[in-house]
Amino acid sequence: MTGTDGIWEVRVEVGSNIFKAFSFFDEGKLIVIANAFQKKSQKTPKNELELAKKIKK
């Protein structure tokens, strides 16, 4: 994802449901899953991305 300072998006499809999780690398060795949500529209909710940035800090 551009402009997210190292935050990655993981997308999982279960049947017709789509879930997304934001994650990042902690000092290059550990993957931290910050938050996840069920995607219901084409646009990623801004508050979910902001939460991931806050957790990363």
C-alpha atoms as a PDB file:
ATOM      1  CA  MET A   1       0.000   0.000   0.000  1.00  0.00           C
ATOM      2  CA  THR A   2       1.385   3.388  -0.908  1.00  0.00           C
ATOM      3  CA  GLY A   3       1.744   6.141   1.666  1.00  0.00           C
ATOM      4  CA  THR A   4       1.306   3.852   4.676  1.00  0.00           C
ATOM      5  CA  ASP A   5       4.893   3.722   5.975  1.00  0.00           C
ATOM      6  CA  GLY A   6       5.407  -0.052   5.865  1.00  0.00           C
ATOM      7  CA  ILE A   7       1.869  -1.213   6.588  1.00  0.00           C
ATOM      8  CA  TRP A   8       0.843  -4.240   4.541  1.00  0.00           C
ATOM      9  CA  GLU A   9      -2.637  -5.482   3.734  1.00  0.00           C
ATOM     10  CA  VAL A  10      -3.614  -9.161   3.969  1.00  0.00           C
ATOM     11  CA  ARG A  11      -6.836 -10.148   2.201  1.00  0.00           C
ATOM     12  CA  VAL A  12      -8.726 -13.364   3.000  1.00  0.00           C
ATOM     13  CA  GLU A  13     -11.813 -14.614   1.166  1.00  0.00           C
ATOM     14  CA  VAL A  14     -14.151 -17.046   2.944  1.00  0.00           C
ATOM     15  CA  GLY A  15     -17.065 -17.930   0.716  1.00  0.00           C
ATOM     16  CA  SER A  16     -18.518 -14.603  -0.424  1.00  0.00           C
ATOM     17  CA  ASN A  17     -17.057 -12.692   2.550  1.00  0.00           C
ATOM     18  CA  ILE A  18     -13.836 -10.692   2.293  1.00  0.00           C
ATOM     19  CA  PHE A  19     -11.725  -9.876   5.353  1.00  0.00           C
ATOM     20  CA  LYS A  20      -8.713  -7.568   5.453  1.00  0.00           C
ATOM     21  CA  ALA A  21      -5.985  -7.294   8.051  1.00  0.00           C
ATOM     22  CA  PHE A  22      -3.316  -4.617   8.326  1.00  0.00           C
ATOM     23  CA  SER A  23       0.119  -5.784   9.399  1.00  0.00           C
ATOM     24  CA  PHE A  24       3.716  -4.596   9.601  1.00  0.00           C
ATOM     25  CA  PHE A  25       7.204  -5.934  10.307  1.00  0.00           C
ATOM     26  CA  ASP A  26       8.579  -5.251  13.794  1.00  0.00           C
ATOM     27  CA  GLU A  27      12.324  -4.648  13.370  1.00  0.00           C
ATOM     28  CA  GLY A  28      12.302  -6.836  10.256  1.00  0.00           C
ATOM     29  CA  LYS A  29      11.788 -10.179  12.022  1.00  0.00           C
ATOM     30  CA  LEU A  30       8.291 -10.357  13.437  1.00  0.00           C
ATOM     31  CA  ILE A  31       5.041  -9.803  11.560  1.00  0.00           C
ATOM     32  CA  VAL A  32       2.492  -7.954  13.694  1.00  0.00           C
ATOM     33  CA  ILE A  33      -1.168  -8.091  12.697  1.00  0.00           C
ATOM     34  CA  ALA A  34      -2.502  -4.734  13.821  1.00  0.00           C
ATOM     35  CA  ASN A  35      -6.227  -4.927  13.114  1.00  0.00           C
ATOM     36  CA  ALA A  36      -8.695  -6.731  10.876  1.00  0.00           C
ATOM     37  CA  PHE A  37     -12.192  -6.064   9.578  1.00  0.00           C
ATOM     38  CA  GLN A  38     -14.785  -7.411   7.170  1.00  0.00           C
ATOM     39  CA  LYS A  39     -14.706  -5.535   3.888  1.00  0.00           C
ATOM     40  CA  LYS A  40     -18.160  -4.490   2.749  1.00  0.00           C
ATOM     41  CA  SER A  41     -17.349  -1.861   0.095  1.00  0.00           C
ATOM     42  CA  GLN A  42     -14.663  -1.097  -2.501  1.00  0.00           C
ATOM     43  CA  LYS A  43     -13.124   1.668  -0.393  1.00  0.00           C
ATOM     44  CA  THR A  44     -10.936   0.862   2.617  1.00  0.00           C
ATOM     45  CA  PRO A  45     -12.324   2.589   5.732  1.00  0.00           C
ATOM     46  CA  LYS A  46      -9.995   5.446   6.700  1.00  0.00           C
ATOM     47  CA  ASN A  47     -10.475   4.812  10.434  1.00  0.00           C
ATOM     48  CA  GLU A  48      -9.175   1.225  10.058  1.00  0.00           C
ATOM     49  CA  LEU A  49      -5.998   2.430   8.364  1.00  0.00           C
ATOM     50  CA  GLU A  50      -5.528   5.155  10.983  1.00  0.00           C
ATOM     51  CA  LEU A  51      -5.902   2.528  13.730  1.00  0.00           C
ATOM     52  CA  ALA A  52      -3.181   0.396  12.120  1.00  0.00           C
ATOM     53  CA  LYS A  53      -0.852   3.431  11.970  1.00  0.00           C
ATOM     54  CA  LYS A  54      -1.543   4.180  15.642  1.00  0.00           C
ATOM     55  CA  ILE A  55      -0.811   0.586  16.662  1.00  0.00           C
ATOM     56  CA  LYS A  56       2.440   0.611  14.679  1.00  0.00           C
ATOM     57  CA  LYS A  57       3.662   3.699  16.554  1.00  0.00           C
END
